[in-house]
Amino acid sequence: TEAVGPFVTSSNITDGAGSVSTSTQITAIFSEAMDPTTIKVANSENPEVLTFTLRDSDNKVLVKGTVTMNDPLNTIATFKPDKTLDINNEYTATITTYAKRTSDNSELSCSYRWSFTTGT
């Protein structure tokens, strides 16, 4: 049997959600402990290795922000945008396979992507 890598089990915002607060923080919950040094955001030093991105679907730009992990478990990543999101706008969040688990550095088994629309 082939080993399965870690995966995202859920997020605090469901795919397709509407009327999401413009001041929301976005979380992704992982199936197991992740290496926090592999959870990178758009304004990281190495922009080619993005792990947790939030993209403005209308303007096609990455939203700048910071990501934190729930120490010491490292199973929840929270993305906090640097400023409030635009009203009535669609956003797409993505966790890429660059995210790795703590135990053996295995990559996420597949990317996880979900979209939502902000309210007024």
Protein backbone atom coordinates (compact mmCIF):
# COMPACT_ATOMS: atom_id res chain seq x y z
CA THR A 1 0.00 0.00 0.00
CA GLU A 2 1.32 3.41 -0.95
CA ALA A 3 1.64 5.91 1.89
CA VAL A 4 -0.66 8.90 1.70
CA GLY A 5 0.79 12.29 2.51
CA PRO A 6 -0.83 14.87 4.74
CA PHE A 7 -3.92 16.70 3.49
CA VAL A 8 -6.22 19.60 4.37
CA THR A 9 -9.31 18.29 6.15
CA SER A 10 -11.31 21.54 6.21
CA SER A 11 -11.25 25.31 6.49
CA ASN A 12 -13.22 27.85 8.47
CA ILE A 13 -14.86 29.10 5.27
CA THR A 14 -16.61 26.54 3.09
CA ASP A 15 -16.06 26.49 -0.64
CA GLY A 16 -18.60 28.74 -2.34
CA ALA A 17 -19.54 30.64 0.83
CA GLY A 18 -21.06 34.09 0.40
CA SER A 19 -21.35 37.18 2.58
CA VAL A 20 -18.03 36.44 4.30
CA SER A 21 -16.77 39.26 6.52
CA THR A 22 -14.20 41.54 4.87
CA SER A 23 -12.13 41.34 8.07
CA THR A 24 -12.06 37.53 8.12
CA GLN A 25 -9.01 35.40 8.78
CA ILE A 26 -8.78 32.19 6.75
CA THR A 27 -7.81 28.90 8.36
CA ALA A 28 -6.84 25.54 6.92
CA ILE A 29 -6.90 22.45 9.13
CA PHE A 30 -4.40 19.71 8.31
CA SER A 31 -4.72 15.96 8.89
CA GLU A 32 -1.48 15.93 10.88
CA ALA A 33 1.30 18.17 12.23
CA MET A 34 2.91 20.30 9.54
CA ASP A 35 6.36 21.89 9.40
CA PRO A 36 5.58 25.59 10.02
CA THR A 37 8.68 26.65 8.07
CA THR A 38 7.05 25.26 4.90
CA ILE A 39 3.85 27.33 5.23
CA LYS A 40 4.72 30.46 3.22
CA VAL A 41 2.58 33.40 2.06
CA ALA A 42 2.73 35.75 -0.93
CA ASN A 43 5.06 38.26 0.70
CA SER A 44 7.61 35.63 1.74
CA GLU A 45 11.30 35.92 0.91
CA ASN A 46 10.93 33.13 -1.67
CA PRO A 47 7.83 34.02 -3.69
CA GLU A 48 8.32 31.03 -5.97
CA VAL A 49 7.59 28.67 -3.06
CA LEU A 50 4.17 29.89 -1.98
CA THR A 51 2.17 27.56 0.24
CA PHE A 52 -0.84 29.49 1.54
CA THR A 53 -2.19 32.02 -0.94
CA LEU A 54 -5.28 34.17 -1.10
CA ARG A 55 -5.98 35.54 -4.54
CA ASP A 56 -8.40 38.31 -5.46
CA SER A 57 -10.31 36.44 -8.18
CA ASP A 58 -11.62 39.63 -9.81
CA ASN A 59 -8.29 41.49 -10.03
CA LYS A 60 -6.07 38.38 -10.27
CA VAL A 61 -3.64 39.59 -7.60
CA LEU A 62 -2.31 37.91 -4.48
CA VAL A 63 -3.51 39.33 -1.17
CA LYS A 64 -0.61 40.15 1.15
CA GLY A 65 -0.79 38.92 4.70
CA THR A 66 0.80 36.75 7.36
CA VAL A 67 0.33 33.12 8.31
CA THR A 68 0.63 31.56 11.75
CA MET A 69 0.43 27.99 12.97
CA ASN A 70 -1.27 26.77 16.15
CA ASP A 71 1.82 25.97 18.19
CA PRO A 72 2.70 23.31 19.38
CA LEU A 73 0.29 21.11 17.39
CA ASN A 74 0.95 22.76 14.00
CA THR A 75 -2.29 21.39 12.53
CA ILE A 76 -4.02 24.74 11.81
CA ALA A 77 -2.64 27.47 9.56
CA THR A 78 -4.30 30.89 9.82
CA PHE A 79 -3.89 33.50 7.09
CA LYS A 80 -4.49 37.09 8.20
CA PRO A 81 -4.71 39.63 5.36
CA ASP A 82 -2.69 42.83 5.88
CA LYS A 83 -5.84 44.89 5.25
CA THR A 84 -9.58 44.30 5.00
CA LEU A 85 -10.80 42.51 1.91
CA ASP A 86 -12.85 44.30 -0.75
CA ILE A 87 -16.63 44.13 -0.41
CA ASN A 88 -18.68 41.96 -2.78
CA ASN A 89 -15.54 40.36 -4.17
CA GLU A 90 -14.58 36.77 -4.88
CA TYR A 91 -11.38 35.32 -3.38
CA THR A 92 -9.67 31.98 -3.87
CA ALA A 93 -7.53 30.44 -1.14
CA THR A 94 -4.99 27.72 -1.95
CA ILE A 95 -2.73 25.47 0.09
CA THR A 96 -0.11 24.02 -2.27
CA THR A 97 1.88 20.82 -2.14
CA TYR A 98 4.92 22.76 -0.90
CA ALA A 99 3.42 22.35 2.60
CA LYS A 100 5.22 19.49 4.35
CA ARG A 101 4.50 17.40 7.43
CA THR A 102 6.77 17.52 10.44
CA SER A 103 7.43 13.79 10.89
CA ASP A 104 9.13 12.90 7.61
CA ASN A 105 8.95 16.04 5.44
CA SER A 106 6.34 14.47 3.11
CA GLU A 107 4.54 17.01 0.94
CA LEU A 108 0.83 17.62 1.01
CA SER A 109 -0.79 14.84 -1.02
CA CYS A 110 -2.57 17.37 -3.28
CA SER A 111 -3.29 21.10 -3.39
CA TYR A 112 -6.43 22.30 -1.61
CA ARG A 113 -8.36 25.20 -3.11
CA TRP A 114 -11.56 26.93 -2.10
CA SER A 115 -13.36 30.15 -3.03
CA PHE A 116 -15.67 32.54 -1.25
CA THR A 117 -17.33 35.91 -1.76
CA THR A 118 -17.26 38.77 0.71
CA GLY A 119 -20.40 40.61 1.78
CA THR A 120 -21.11 44.31 2.02
